PDB file of N, CA and C in Angstrom:
ATOM      1  N   MET A   1     -12.688  91.095-103.470  1.00  0.00           N
ATOM      2  CA  MET A   1     -13.536  89.924-103.448  1.00  0.00           C
ATOM      3  C   MET A   1     -14.902  90.309-102.890  1.00  0.00           C
ATOM      4  N   LEU A   2     -15.955  89.844-103.525  1.00  0.00           N
ATOM      5  CA  LEU A   2     -17.306  90.155-103.086  1.00  0.00           C
ATOM      6  C   LEU A   2     -17.794  89.121-102.094  1.00  0.00           C
ATOM      7  N   SER A   3     -18.457  89.585-101.059  1.00  0.00           N
ATOM      8  CA  SER A   3     -19.086  88.633-100.148  1.00  0.00           C
ATOM      9  C   SER A   3     -20.372  88.130-100.783  1.00  0.00           C
ATOM     10  N   ARG A   4     -20.942  87.079-100.243  1.00  0.00           N
ATOM     11  CA  ARG A   4     -22.190  86.564-100.819  1.00  0.00           C
ATOM     12  C   ARG A   4     -23.317  87.571-100.658  1.00  0.00           C
ATOM     13  N   TRP A   5     -23.216  88.484 -99.710  1.00  0.00           N
ATOM     14  CA  TRP A   5     -24.271  89.482 -99.492  1.00  0.00           C
ATOM     15  C   TRP A   5     -24.209  90.585-100.537  1.00  0.00           C
ATOM     16  N   THR A   6     -23.019  90.960-100.982  1.00  0.00           N
ATOM     17  CA  THR A   6     -22.926  91.993-102.018  1.00  0.00           C
ATOM     18  C   THR A   6     -23.027  91.387-103.404  1.00  0.00           C
ATOM     19  N   ALA A   7     -22.717  90.115-103.555  1.00  0.00           N
ATOM     20  CA  ALA A   7     -22.794  89.463-104.874  1.00  0.00           C
ATOM     21  C   ALA A   7     -24.238  89.317-105.335  1.00  0.00           C
ATOM     22  N   ARG A   8     -25.150  89.069-104.428  1.00  0.00           N
ATOM     23  CA  ARG A   8     -26.556  88.863-104.808  1.00  0.00           C
ATOM     24  C   ARG A   8     -27.154  90.106-105.471  1.00  0.00           C
ATOM     25  N   PRO A   9     -27.040  91.310-104.889  1.00  0.00           N
ATOM     26  CA  PRO A   9     -27.560  92.490-105.587  1.00  0.00           C
ATOM     27  C   PRO A   9     -26.845  92.744-106.913  1.00  0.00           C
ATOM     28  N   LEU A  10     -25.545  92.464-106.973  1.00  0.00           N
ATOM     29  CA  LEU A  10     -24.795  92.652-108.207  1.00  0.00           C
ATOM     30  C   LEU A  10     -25.297  91.691-109.279  1.00  0.00           C
ATOM     31  N   THR A  11     -25.539  90.447-108.921  1.00  0.00           N
ATOM     32  CA  THR A  11     -26.071  89.462-109.862  1.00  0.00           C
ATOM     33  C   THR A  11     -27.450  89.891-110.354  1.00  0.00           C
ATOM     34  N   SER A  12     -28.267  90.403-109.458  1.00  0.00           N
ATOM     35  CA  SER A  12     -29.599  90.876-109.833  1.00  0.00           C
ATOM     36  C   SER A  12     -29.508  92.034-110.819  1.00  0.00           C
ATOM     37  N   LEU A  13     -28.585  92.942-110.595  1.00  0.00           N
ATOM     38  CA  LEU A  13     -28.386  94.076-111.497  1.00  0.00           C
ATOM     39  C   LEU A  13     -27.905  93.602-112.858  1.00  0.00           C
ATOM     40  N   LEU A  14     -26.942  92.692-112.890  1.00  0.00           N
ATOM     41  CA  LEU A  14     -26.394  92.196-114.152  1.00  0.00           C
ATOM     42  C   LEU A  14     -27.449  91.460-114.966  1.00  0.00           C
ATOM     43  N   ALA A  15     -28.369  90.760-114.300  1.00  0.00           N
ATOM     44  CA  ALA A  15     -29.413  90.029-115.018  1.00  0.00           C
ATOM     45  C   ALA A  15     -30.355  90.973-115.760  1.00  0.00           C
ATOM     46  N   ARG A  16     -30.454  92.231-115.331  1.00  0.00           N
ATOM     47  CA  ARG A  16     -31.354  93.185-115.979  1.00  0.00           C
ATOM     48  C   ARG A  16     -30.683  93.983-117.093  1.00  0.00           C
ATOM     49  N   LEU A  17     -29.369  93.866-117.229  1.00  0.00           N
ATOM     50  CA  LEU A  17     -28.660  94.601-118.276  1.00  0.00           C
ATOM     51  C   LEU A  17     -28.893  93.935-119.634  1.00  0.00           C
ATOM     52  N   PRO A  18     -28.882  94.720-120.710  1.00  0.00           N
ATOM     53  CA  PRO A  18     -29.038  94.130-122.035  1.00  0.00           C
ATOM     54  C   PRO A  18     -27.885  93.183-122.351  1.00  0.00           C
ATOM     55  N   SER A  19     -28.196  92.198-123.142  1.00  0.00           N
ATOM     56  CA  SER A  19     -27.177  91.252-123.568  1.00  0.00           C
ATOM     57  C   SER A  19     -27.557  90.716-124.940  1.00  0.00           C
ATOM     58  N   GLN A  20     -26.787  89.796-125.434  1.00  0.00           N
ATOM     59  CA  GLN A  20     -27.114  89.184-126.713  1.00  0.00           C
ATOM     60  C   GLN A  20     -28.208  88.138-126.528  1.00  0.00           C
ATOM     61  N   CYS A  21     -29.036  87.991-127.552  1.00  0.00           N
ATOM     62  CA  CYS A  21     -29.992  86.895-127.580  1.00  0.00           C
ATOM     63  C   CYS A  21     -29.177  85.602-127.652  1.00  0.00           C
ATOM     64  N   ALA A  22     -29.501  84.627-126.827  1.00  0.00           N
ATOM     65  CA  ALA A  22     -28.753  83.368-126.796  1.00  0.00           C
ATOM     66  C   ALA A  22     -28.939  82.565-128.074  1.00  0.00           C
ATOM     67  N   LEU A  23     -29.955  82.884-128.873  1.00  0.00           N
ATOM     68  CA  LEU A  23     -30.239  82.097-130.065  1.00  0.00           C
ATOM     69  C   LEU A  23     -29.712  82.748-131.333  1.00  0.00           C
ATOM     70  N   CYS A  24     -30.072  84.007-131.575  1.00  0.00           N
ATOM     71  CA  CYS A  24     -29.673  84.661-132.832  1.00  0.00           C
ATOM     72  C   CYS A  24     -28.488  85.604-132.653  1.00  0.00           C
ATOM     73  N   ARG A  25     -28.097  85.853-131.410  1.00  0.00           N
ATOM     74  CA  ARG A  25     -26.978  86.738-131.062  1.00  0.00           C
ATOM     75  C   ARG A  25     -27.241  88.204-131.390  1.00  0.00           C
ATOM     76  N   ASP A  26     -28.518  88.583-131.555  1.00  0.00           N
ATOM     77  CA  ASP A  26     -28.872  89.985-131.760  1.00  0.00           C
ATOM     78  C   ASP A  26     -28.490  90.770-130.509  1.00  0.00           C
ATOM     79  N   TRP A  27     -28.096  92.004-130.714  1.00  0.00           N
ATOM     80  CA  TRP A  27     -27.625  92.836-129.604  1.00  0.00           C
ATOM     81  C   TRP A  27     -28.279  94.190-129.661  1.00  0.00           C
ATOM     82  N   PRO A  28     -28.681  94.862-128.635  1.00  0.00           N
ATOM     83  CA  PRO A  28     -28.927  94.322-127.302  1.00  0.00           C
ATOM     84  C   PRO A  28     -30.271  93.599-127.261  1.00  0.00           C
ATOM     85  N   SER A  29     -30.367  92.693-126.360  1.00  0.00           N
ATOM     86  CA  SER A  29     -31.566  91.874-126.237  1.00  0.00           C
ATOM     87  C   SER A  29     -31.662  91.333-124.819  1.00  0.00           C
ATOM     88  N   ARG A  30     -32.683  90.572-124.599  1.00  0.00           N
ATOM     89  CA  ARG A  30     -32.805  89.804-123.364  1.00  0.00           C
ATOM     90  C   ARG A  30     -32.215  88.423-123.657  1.00  0.00           C
ATOM     91  N   PRO A  31     -32.270  87.481-122.713  1.00  0.00           N
ATOM     92  CA  PRO A  31     -31.710  86.160-123.009  1.00  0.00           C
ATOM     93  C   PRO A  31     -32.273  85.542-124.283  1.00  0.00           C
ATOM     94  N   VAL A  32     -33.534  85.865-124.597  1.00  0.00           N
ATOM     95  CA  VAL A  32     -34.124  85.419-125.862  1.00  0.00           C
ATOM     96  C   VAL A  32     -34.930  86.599-126.401  1.00  0.00           C
ATOM     97  N   CYS A  33     -34.658  87.000-127.639  1.00  0.00           N
ATOM     98  CA  CYS A  33     -35.353  88.163-128.206  1.00  0.00           C
ATOM     99  C   CYS A  33     -36.772  87.780-128.628  1.00  0.00           C
ATOM    100  N   GLU A  34     -37.600  88.788-128.852  1.00  0.00           N
ATOM    101  CA  GLU A  34     -38.995  88.564-129.243  1.00  0.00           C
ATOM    102  C   GLU A  34     -39.099  87.745-130.527  1.00  0.00           C
ATOM    103  N   ALA A  35     -38.235  88.032-131.506  1.00  0.00           N
ATOM    104  CA  ALA A  35     -38.286  87.316-132.782  1.00  0.00           C
ATOM    105  C   ALA A  35     -37.986  85.830-132.594  1.00  0.00           C
ATOM    106  N   CYS A  36     -37.004  85.499-131.784  1.00  0.00           N
ATOM    107  CA  CYS A  36     -36.673  84.088-131.547  1.00  0.00           C
ATOM    108  C   CYS A  36     -37.755  83.398-130.719  1.00  0.00           C
ATOM    109  N   ALA A  37     -38.302  84.098-129.739  1.00  0.00           N
ATOM    110  CA  ALA A  37     -39.388  83.506-128.956  1.00  0.00           C
ATOM    111  C   ALA A  37     -40.572  83.188-129.864  1.00  0.00           C
ATOM    112  N   ALA A  38     -40.900  84.090-130.763  1.00  0.00           N
ATOM    113  CA  ALA A  38     -42.022  83.853-131.686  1.00  0.00           C
ATOM    114  C   ALA A  38     -41.695  82.722-132.659  1.00  0.00           C
ATOM    115  N   ARG A  39     -40.455  82.657-133.096  1.00  0.00           N
ATOM    116  CA  ARG A  39     -40.066  81.628-134.074  1.00  0.00           C
ATOM    117  C   ARG A  39     -39.969  80.239-133.460  1.00  0.00           C
ATOM    118  N   PHE A  40     -39.336  80.136-132.283  1.00  0.00           N
ATOM    119  CA  PHE A  40     -39.056  78.828-131.707  1.00  0.00           C
ATOM    120  C   PHE A  40     -40.061  78.383-130.646  1.00  0.00           C
ATOM    121  N   ALA A  41     -41.005  79.228-130.296  1.00  0.00           N
ATOM    122  CA  ALA A  41     -42.047  78.849-129.337  1.00  0.00           C
ATOM    123  C   ALA A  41     -43.408  79.243-129.898  1.00  0.00           C
ATOM    124  N   ALA A  42     -43.595  78.990-131.179  1.00  0.00           N
ATOM    125  CA  ALA A  42     -44.865  79.338-131.827  1.00  0.00           C
ATOM    126  C   ALA A  42     -46.005  78.552-131.200  1.00  0.00           C
ATOM    127  N   SER A  43     -47.112  79.212-131.033  1.00  0.00           N
ATOM    128  CA  SER A  43     -48.290  78.579-130.461  1.00  0.00           C
ATOM    129  C   SER A  43     -48.774  77.454-131.374  1.00  0.00           C
ATOM    130  N   ALA A  44     -49.102  76.324-130.778  1.00  0.00           N
ATOM    131  CA  ALA A  44     -49.585  75.167-131.529  1.00  0.00           C
ATOM    132  C   ALA A  44     -50.720  74.521-130.752  1.00  0.00           C
ATOM    133  N   PRO A  45     -51.704  73.939-131.451  1.00  0.00           N
ATOM    134  CA  PRO A  45     -52.774  73.237-130.725  1.00  0.00           C
ATOM    135  C   PRO A  45     -52.190  72.049-129.966  1.00  0.00           C
ATOM    136  N   ARG A  46     -52.630  71.889-128.729  1.00  0.00           N
ATOM    137  CA  ARG A  46     -52.126  70.806-127.876  1.00  0.00           C
ATOM    138  C   ARG A  46     -53.269  70.159-127.107  1.00  0.00           C
ATOM    139  N   CYS A  47     -53.054  68.909-126.705  1.00  0.00           N
ATOM    140  CA  CYS A  47     -54.025  68.204-125.868  1.00  0.00           C
ATOM    141  C   CYS A  47     -54.223  68.999-124.583  1.00  0.00           C
ATOM    142  N   GLN A  48     -55.461  69.213-124.189  1.00  0.00           N
ATOM    143  CA  GLN A  48     -55.752  69.986-122.981  1.00  0.00           C
ATOM    144  C   GLN A  48     -55.343  69.252-121.714  1.00  0.00           C
ATOM    145  N   THR A  49     -55.097  67.943-121.816  1.00  0.00           N
ATOM    146  CA  THR A  49     -54.725  67.175-120.637  1.00  0.00           C
ATOM    147  C   THR A  49     -53.231  66.933-120.533  1.00  0.00           C
ATOM    148  N   CYS A  50     -52.576  66.536-121.633  1.00  0.00           N
ATOM    149  CA  CYS A  50     -51.150  66.177-121.544  1.00  0.00           C
ATOM    150  C   CYS A  50     -50.229  67.096-122.337  1.00  0.00           C
ATOM    151  N   ALA A  51     -50.760  68.032-123.111  1.00  0.00           N
ATOM    152  CA  ALA A  51     -50.010  69.022-123.908  1.00  0.00           C
ATOM    153  C   ALA A  51     -49.308  68.438-125.127  1.00  0.00           C
ATOM    154  N   LEU A  52     -49.667  67.236-125.543  1.00  0.00           N
ATOM    155  CA  LEU A  52     -49.122  66.657-126.769  1.00  0.00           C
ATOM    156  C   LEU A  52     -49.624  67.474-127.963  1.00  0.00           C
ATOM    157  N   PRO A  53     -48.754  67.777-128.945  1.00  0.00           N
ATOM    158  CA  PRO A  53     -49.233  68.511-130.128  1.00  0.00           C
ATOM    159  C   PRO A  53     -50.334  67.721-130.851  1.00  0.00           C
ATOM    160  N   LEU A  54     -51.364  68.436-131.274  1.00  0.00           N
ATOM    161  CA  LEU A  54     -52.520  67.829-131.941  1.00  0.00           C
ATOM    162  C   LEU A  54     -52.891  68.624-133.178  1.00  0.00           C
ATOM    163  N   PRO A  55     -53.670  68.022-134.074  1.00  0.00           N
ATOM    164  CA  PRO A  55     -54.222  68.802-135.185  1.00  0.00           C
ATOM    165  C   PRO A  55     -55.210  69.850-134.651  1.00  0.00           C
ATOM    166  N   ALA A  56     -55.384  70.916-135.383  1.00  0.00           N
ATOM    167  CA  ALA A  56     -56.322  71.967-134.977  1.00  0.00           C
ATOM    168  C   ALA A  56     -57.728  71.386-134.826  1.00  0.00           C
ATOM    169  N   GLY A  57     -58.441  71.834-133.814  1.00  0.00           N
ATOM    170  CA  GLY A  57     -59.813  71.411-133.583  1.00  0.00           C
ATOM    171  C   GLY A  57     -59.968  70.178-132.715  1.00  0.00           C
ATOM    172  N   VAL A  58     -58.869  69.528-132.340  1.00  0.00           N
ATOM    173  CA  VAL A  58     -58.921  68.348-131.474  1.00  0.00           C
ATOM    174  C   VAL A  58     -58.548  68.790-130.070  1.00  0.00           C
ATOM    175  N   ALA A  59     -59.408  68.475-129.084  1.00  0.00           N
ATOM    176  CA  ALA A  59     -59.177  68.946-127.716  1.00  0.00           C
ATOM    177  C   ALA A  59     -58.297  68.000-126.905  1.00  0.00           C
ATOM    178  N   ARG A  60     -58.454  66.690-127.101  1.00  0.00           N
ATOM    179  CA  ARG A  60     -57.693  65.718-126.311  1.00  0.00           C
ATOM    180  C   ARG A  60     -57.142  64.619-127.213  1.00  0.00           C
ATOM    181  N   CYS A  61     -55.958  64.151-126.863  1.00  0.00           N
ATOM    182  CA  CYS A  61     -55.365  63.047-127.624  1.00  0.00           C
ATOM    183  C   CYS A  61     -56.091  61.751-127.271  1.00  0.00           C
ATOM    184  N   GLY A  62     -55.946  60.769-128.125  1.00  0.00           N
ATOM    185  CA  GLY A  62     -56.621  59.493-127.917  1.00  0.00           C
ATOM    186  C   GLY A  62     -56.229  58.821-126.616  1.00  0.00           C
ATOM    187  N   ASP A  63     -54.957  58.900-126.245  1.00  0.00           N
ATOM    188  CA  ASP A  63     -54.507  58.256-125.010  1.00  0.00           C
ATOM    189  C   ASP A  63     -55.155  58.888-123.779  1.00  0.00           C
ATOM    190  N   CYS A  64     -55.310  60.208-123.776  1.00  0.00           N
ATOM    191  CA  CYS A  64     -55.932  60.878-122.630  1.00  0.00           C
ATOM    192  C   CYS A  64     -57.433  60.610-122.560  1.00  0.00           C
ATOM    193  N   VAL A  65     -58.049  60.350-123.703  1.00  0.00           N
ATOM    194  CA  VAL A  65     -59.465  59.991-123.712  1.00  0.00           C
ATOM    195  C   VAL A  65     -59.641  58.590-123.134  1.00  0.00           C
ATOM    196  N   VAL A  66     -58.790  57.654-123.567  1.00  0.00           N
ATOM    197  CA  VAL A  66     -58.894  56.258-123.122  1.00  0.00           C
ATOM    198  C   VAL A  66     -58.338  56.065-121.707  1.00  0.00           C
ATOM    199  N   HIS A  67     -57.201  56.685-121.416  1.00  0.00           N
ATOM    200  CA  HIS A  67     -56.532  56.539-120.112  1.00  0.00           C
ATOM    201  C   HIS A  67     -56.232  57.923-119.543  1.00  0.00           C
ATOM    202  N   PRO A  68     -57.227  58.603-118.980  1.00  0.00           N
ATOM    203  CA  PRO A  68     -56.985  59.970-118.471  1.00  0.00           C
ATOM    204  C   PRO A  68     -55.929  59.971-117.361  1.00  0.00           C
ATOM    205  N   PRO A  69     -54.932  60.846-117.469  1.00  0.00           N
ATOM    206  CA  PRO A  69     -53.914  60.931-116.414  1.00  0.00           C
ATOM    207  C   PRO A  69     -54.492  61.609-115.170  1.00  0.00           C
ATOM    208  N   PRO A  70     -53.820  61.446-114.021  1.00  0.00           N
ATOM    209  CA  PRO A  70     -54.341  62.010-112.769  1.00  0.00           C
ATOM    210  C   PRO A  70     -54.007  63.496-112.596  1.00  0.00           C
ATOM    211  N   LEU A  71     -54.358  64.301-113.596  1.00  0.00           N
ATOM    212  CA  LEU A  71     -54.151  65.744-113.496  1.00  0.00           C
ATOM    213  C   LEU A  71     -55.244  66.438-114.287  1.00  0.00           C
ATOM    214  N   ASP A  72     -55.456  67.691-113.969  1.00  0.00           N
ATOM    215  CA  ASP A  72     -56.514  68.455-114.629  1.00  0.00           C
ATOM    216  C   ASP A  72     -56.067  69.019-115.967  1.00  0.00           C
ATOM    217  N   ALA A  73     -54.844  69.493-116.038  1.00  0.00           N
ATOM    218  CA  ALA A  73     -54.356  70.118-117.263  1.00  0.00           C
ATOM    219  C   ALA A  73     -52.835  70.113-117.265  1.00  0.00           C
ATOM    220  N   CYS A  74     -52.289  70.195-118.450  1.00  0.00           N
ATOM    221  CA  CYS A  74     -50.844  70.284-118.635  1.00  0.00           C
ATOM    222  C   CYS A  74     -50.608  71.343-119.702  1.00  0.00           C
ATOM    223  N   LEU A  75     -49.657  72.218-119.465  1.00  0.00           N
ATOM    224  CA  LEU A  75     -49.342  73.280-120.418  1.00  0.00           C
ATOM    225  C   LEU A  75     -47.914  73.102-120.915  1.00  0.00           C
ATOM    226  N   ALA A  76     -47.705  73.407-122.167  1.00  0.00           N
ATOM    227  CA  ALA A  76     -46.352  73.402-122.738  1.00  0.00           C
ATOM    228  C   ALA A  76     -46.204  74.656-123.575  1.00  0.00           C
ATOM    229  N   ALA A  77     -45.198  75.426-123.274  1.00  0.00           N
ATOM    230  CA  ALA A  77     -44.957  76.662-124.022  1.00  0.00           C
ATOM    231  C   ALA A  77     -44.409  76.377-125.406  1.00  0.00           C
ATOM    232  N   CYS A  78     -43.732  75.241-125.553  1.00  0.00           N
ATOM    233  CA  CYS A  78     -43.105  74.899-126.824  1.00  0.00           C
ATOM    234  C   CYS A  78     -42.760  73.421-126.804  1.00  0.00           C
ATOM    235  N   ASP A  79     -42.356  72.912-127.951  1.00  0.00           N
ATOM    236  CA  ASP A  79     -41.856  71.549-128.009  1.00  0.00           C
ATOM    237  C   ASP A  79     -40.493  71.505-127.334  1.00  0.00           C
ATOM    238  N   TYR A  80     -40.167  70.392-126.719  1.00  0.00           N
ATOM    239  CA  TYR A  80     -38.868  70.245-126.064  1.00  0.00           C
ATOM    240  C   TYR A  80     -37.841  69.856-127.125  1.00  0.00           C
ATOM    241  N   ALA A  81     -37.520  70.814-127.963  1.00  0.00           N
ATOM    242  CA  ALA A  81     -36.576  70.634-129.061  1.00  0.00           C
ATOM    243  C   ALA A  81     -35.684  71.868-129.094  1.00  0.00           C
ATOM    244  N   TRP A  82     -34.597  71.812-129.901  1.00  0.00           N
ATOM    245  CA  TRP A  82     -33.687  72.934-129.950  1.00  0.00           C
ATOM    246  C   TRP A  82     -34.462  74.216-130.179  1.00  0.00           C
ATOM    247  N   PRO A  83     -34.177  75.242-129.446  1.00  0.00           N
ATOM    248  CA  PRO A  83     -33.065  75.520-128.544  1.00  0.00           C
ATOM    249  C   PRO A  83     -33.408  75.342-127.075  1.00  0.00           C
ATOM    250  N   TRP A  84     -34.623  74.942-126.775  1.00  0.00           N
ATOM    251  CA  TRP A  84     -35.123  74.994-125.399  1.00  0.00           C
ATOM    252  C   TRP A  84     -34.467  74.034-124.409  1.00  0.00           C
ATOM    253  N   PRO A  85     -34.083  72.808-124.769  1.00  0.00           N
ATOM    254  CA  PRO A  85     -33.445  71.954-123.753  1.00  0.00           C
ATOM    255  C   PRO A  85     -32.192  72.584-123.132  1.00  0.00           C
ATOM    256  N   ASP A  86     -31.379  73.248-123.932  1.00  0.00           N
ATOM    257  CA  ASP A  86     -30.180  73.891-123.390  1.00  0.00           C
ATOM    258  C   ASP A  86     -30.534  75.075-122.493  1.00  0.00           C
ATOM    259  N   CYS A  87     -31.542  75.842-122.885  1.00  0.00           N
ATOM    260  CA  CYS A  87     -31.964  77.003-122.082  1.00  0.00           C
ATOM    261  C   CYS A  87     -32.519  76.551-120.734  1.00  0.00           C
ATOM    262  N   VAL A  88     -33.359  75.520-120.765  1.00  0.00           N
ATOM    263  CA  VAL A  88     -33.939  74.995-119.524  1.00  0.00           C
ATOM    264  C   VAL A  88     -32.842  74.401-118.643  1.00  0.00           C
ATOM    265  N   ALA A  89     -31.905  73.686-119.236  1.00  0.00           N
ATOM    266  CA  ALA A  89     -30.796  73.109-118.459  1.00  0.00           C
ATOM    267  C   ALA A  89     -29.937  74.204-117.831  1.00  0.00           C
ATOM    268  N   ASP A  90     -29.687  75.288-118.565  1.00  0.00           N
ATOM    269  CA  ASP A  90     -28.933  76.406-117.986  1.00  0.00           C
ATOM    270  C   ASP A  90     -29.643  76.947-116.754  1.00  0.00           C
ATOM    271  N   PHE A  91     -30.951  77.068-116.823  1.00  0.00           N
ATOM    272  CA  PHE A  91     -31.737  77.585-115.705  1.00  0.00           C
ATOM    273  C   PHE A  91     -31.777  76.586-114.546  1.00  0.00           C
ATOM    274  N   LYS A  92     -32.132  75.345-114.831  1.00  0.00           N
ATOM    275  CA  LYS A  92     -32.349  74.363-113.772  1.00  0.00           C
ATOM    276  C   LYS A  92     -31.065  73.847-113.139  1.00  0.00           C
ATOM    277  N   PHE A  93     -30.049  73.569-113.950  1.00  0.00           N
ATOM    278  CA  PHE A  93     -28.893  72.856-113.442  1.00  0.00           C
ATOM    279  C   PHE A  93     -27.624  73.691-113.334  1.00  0.00           C
ATOM    280  N   ARG A  94     -27.582  74.826-114.026  1.00  0.00           N
ATOM    281  CA  ARG A  94     -26.374  75.649-113.989  1.00  0.00           C
ATOM    282  C   ARG A  94     -26.594  76.968-113.258  1.00  0.00           C
ATOM    283  N   GLY A  95     -27.786  77.131-112.682  1.00  0.00           N
ATOM    284  CA  GLY A  95     -28.069  78.299-111.861  1.00  0.00           C
ATOM    285  C   GLY A  95     -28.138  79.609-112.622  1.00  0.00           C
ATOM    286  N   ASP A  96     -28.435  79.565-113.916  1.00  0.00           N
ATOM    287  CA  ASP A  96     -28.532  80.786-114.717  1.00  0.00           C
ATOM    288  C   ASP A  96     -29.927  81.380-114.533  1.00  0.00           C
ATOM    289  N   THR A  97     -30.084  82.216-113.507  1.00  0.00           N
ATOM    290  CA  THR A  97     -31.391  82.778-113.175  1.00  0.00           C
ATOM    291  C   THR A  97     -31.898  83.771-114.214  1.00  0.00           C
ATOM    292  N   GLY A  98     -31.048  84.179-115.145  1.00  0.00           N
ATOM    293  CA  GLY A  98     -31.481  85.074-116.209  1.00  0.00           C
ATOM    294  C   GLY A  98     -32.548  84.452-117.095  1.00  0.00           C
ATOM    295  N   TRP A  99     -32.694  83.126-117.060  1.00  0.00           N
ATOM    296  CA  TRP A  99     -33.713  82.449-117.859  1.00  0.00           C
ATOM    297  C   TRP A  99     -35.075  82.408-117.167  1.00  0.00           C
ATOM    298  N   ALA A 100     -35.163  82.715-115.891  1.00  0.00           N
ATOM    299  CA  ALA A 100     -36.431  82.618-115.161  1.00  0.00           C
ATOM    300  C   ALA A 100     -37.518  83.475-115.807  1.00  0.00           C
ATOM    301  N   GLY A 101     -37.223  84.735-116.050  1.00  0.00           N
ATOM    302  CA  GLY A 101     -38.217  85.639-116.640  1.00  0.00           C
ATOM    303  C   GLY A 101     -38.637  85.236-118.043  1.00  0.00           C
ATOM    304  N   PRO A 102     -37.682  85.014-118.964  1.00  0.00           N
ATOM    305  CA  PRO A 102     -38.075  84.627-120.317  1.00  0.00           C
ATOM    306  C   PRO A 102     -38.868  83.323-120.381  1.00  0.00           C
ATOM    307  N   LEU A 103     -38.472  82.320-119.588  1.00  0.00           N
ATOM    308  CA  LEU A 103     -39.218  81.060-119.598  1.00  0.00           C
ATOM    309  C   LEU A 103     -40.606  81.244-119.002  1.00  0.00           C
ATOM    310  N   ALA A 104     -40.716  82.045-117.950  1.00  0.00           N
ATOM    311  CA  ALA A 104     -42.036  82.327-117.357  1.00  0.00           C
ATOM    312  C   ALA A 104     -42.915  83.086-118.345  1.00  0.00           C
ATOM    313  N   GLN A 105     -42.335  84.042-119.092  1.00  0.00           N
ATOM    314  CA  GLN A 105     -43.118  84.774-120.096  1.00  0.00           C
ATOM    315  C   GLN A 105     -43.636  83.842-121.181  1.00  0.00           C
ATOM    316  N   LEU A 106     -42.823  82.897-121.616  1.00  0.00           N
ATOM    317  CA  LEU A 106     -43.275  81.934-122.625  1.00  0.00           C
ATOM    318  C   LEU A 106     -44.453  81.119-122.093  1.00  0.00           C
ATOM    319  N   LEU A 107     -44.360  80.694-120.839  1.00  0.00           N
ATOM    320  CA  LEU A 107     -45.448  79.901-120.250  1.00  0.00           C
ATOM    321  C   LEU A 107     -46.709  80.726-120.089  1.00  0.00           C
ATOM    322  N   ARG A 108     -46.596  81.937-119.605  1.00  0.00           N
ATOM    323  CA  ARG A 108     -47.790  82.769-119.382  1.00  0.00           C
ATOM    324  C   ARG A 108     -48.429  83.237-120.692  1.00  0.00           C
ATOM    325  N   ALA A 109     -47.710  83.154-121.803  1.00  0.00           N
ATOM    326  CA  ALA A 109     -48.267  83.569-123.095  1.00  0.00           C
ATOM    327  C   ALA A 109     -49.202  82.517-123.697  1.00  0.00           C
ATOM    328  N   ILE A 110     -49.221  81.327-123.130  1.00  0.00           N
ATOM    329  CA  ILE A 110     -50.091  80.270-123.641  1.00  0.00           C
ATOM    330  C   ILE A 110     -51.539  80.636-123.335  1.00  0.00           C
ATOM    331  N   PRO A 111     -52.442  80.472-124.318  1.00  0.00           N
ATOM    332  CA  PRO A 111     -53.860  80.683-124.009  1.00  0.00           C
ATOM    333  C   PRO A 111     -54.268  79.780-122.838  1.00  0.00           C
ATOM    334  N   ARG A 112     -55.053  80.253-121.954  1.00  0.00           N
ATOM    335  CA  ARG A 112     -55.537  79.573-120.739  1.00  0.00           C
ATOM    336  C   ARG A 112     -54.509  79.551-119.620  1.00  0.00           C
ATOM    337  N   ALA A 113     -53.249  79.893-119.878  1.00  0.00           N
ATOM    338  CA  ALA A 113     -52.202  79.721-118.870  1.00  0.00           C
ATOM    339  C   ALA A 113     -52.420  80.583-117.637  1.00  0.00           C
ATOM    340  N   ALA A 114     -52.710  81.849-117.823  1.00  0.00           N
ATOM    341  CA  ALA A 114     -52.836  82.748-116.664  1.00  0.00           C
ATOM    342  C   ALA A 114     -53.917  82.256-115.713  1.00  0.00           C
ATOM    343  N   ALA A 115     -55.069  81.896-116.253  1.00  0.00           N
ATOM    344  CA  ALA A 115     -56.171  81.429-115.398  1.00  0.00           C
ATOM    345  C   ALA A 115     -55.811  80.113-114.713  1.00  0.00           C
ATOM    346  N   LEU A 116     -55.211  79.191-115.448  1.00  0.00           N
ATOM    347  CA  LEU A 116     -54.842  77.899-114.853  1.00  0.00           C
ATOM    348  C   LEU A 116     -53.750  78.060-113.798  1.00  0.00           C
ATOM    349  N   LEU A 117     -52.759  78.900-114.065  1.00  0.00           N
ATOM    350  CA  LEU A 117     -51.681  79.107-113.101  1.00  0.00           C
ATOM    351  C   LEU A 117     -52.211  79.779-111.829  1.00  0.00           C
ATOM    352  N   ASP A 118     -53.127  80.719-111.991  1.00  0.00           N
ATOM    353  CA  ASP A 118     -53.691  81.398-110.820  1.00  0.00           C
ATOM    354  C   ASP A 118     -54.538  80.454-109.969  1.00  0.00           C
ATOM    355  N   ALA A 119     -55.171  79.459-110.595  1.00  0.00           N
ATOM    356  CA  ALA A 119     -56.079  78.553-109.876  1.00  0.00           C
ATOM    357  C   ALA A 119     -55.428  77.257-109.438  1.00  0.00           C
ATOM    358  N   CYS A 120     -54.198  76.985-109.822  1.00  0.00           N
ATOM    359  CA  CYS A 120     -53.609  75.662-109.561  1.00  0.00           C
ATOM    360  C   CYS A 120     -53.092  75.529-108.127  1.00  0.00           C
ATOM    361  N   ASP A 121     -53.001  74.274-107.702  1.00  0.00           N
ATOM    362  CA  ASP A 121     -52.437  73.954-106.392  1.00  0.00           C
ATOM    363  C   ASP A 121     -50.922  73.815-106.474  1.00  0.00           C
ATOM    364  N   ARG A 122     -50.426  73.263-107.603  1.00  0.00           N
ATOM    365  CA  ARG A 122     -49.006  73.017-107.769  1.00  0.00           C
ATOM    366  C   ARG A 122     -48.603  73.241-109.217  1.00  0.00           C
ATOM    367  N   VAL A 123     -47.369  73.651-109.399  1.00  0.00           N
ATOM    368  CA  VAL A 123     -46.779  73.743-110.736  1.00  0.00           C
ATOM    369  C   VAL A 123     -45.580  72.811-110.733  1.00  0.00           C
ATOM    370  N   LEU A 124     -45.576  71.861-111.653  1.00  0.00           N
ATOM    371  CA  LEU A 124     -44.490  70.885-111.747  1.00  0.00           C
ATOM    372  C   LEU A 124     -43.754  71.065-113.048  1.00  0.00           C
ATOM    373  N   PRO A 125     -42.425  70.888-113.038  1.00  0.00           N
ATOM    374  CA  PRO A 125     -41.677  71.019-114.295  1.00  0.00           C
ATOM    375  C   PRO A 125     -41.914  69.816-115.200  1.00  0.00           C
TER     376      PRO A 125
END
């Protein structure tokens, strides 16, 4: 039986080992392979304030122009549609820390994300 002190390094080691992609089941891969990340988290134009999908060339949605929310910016790596709700739930509610890196990579890949994340006071889910 492993103590909680030896289980933590073991869990950390296991999280770095290759595994199947959770979406396409390609082997070996990370929790989500590059092809699935590109397919299911494709970059799309979004409102700079609330991250709602918009047509190309539009900076803000009508609601944010008329009723600006009390925040500077909102980023979304992808639409909250399959497969992402299950992946996020595994990370947030089931303690699957293997999703931390892939989800963070998706967020940091958004244009403007690195600068906004470095300058922000808070990051909210």
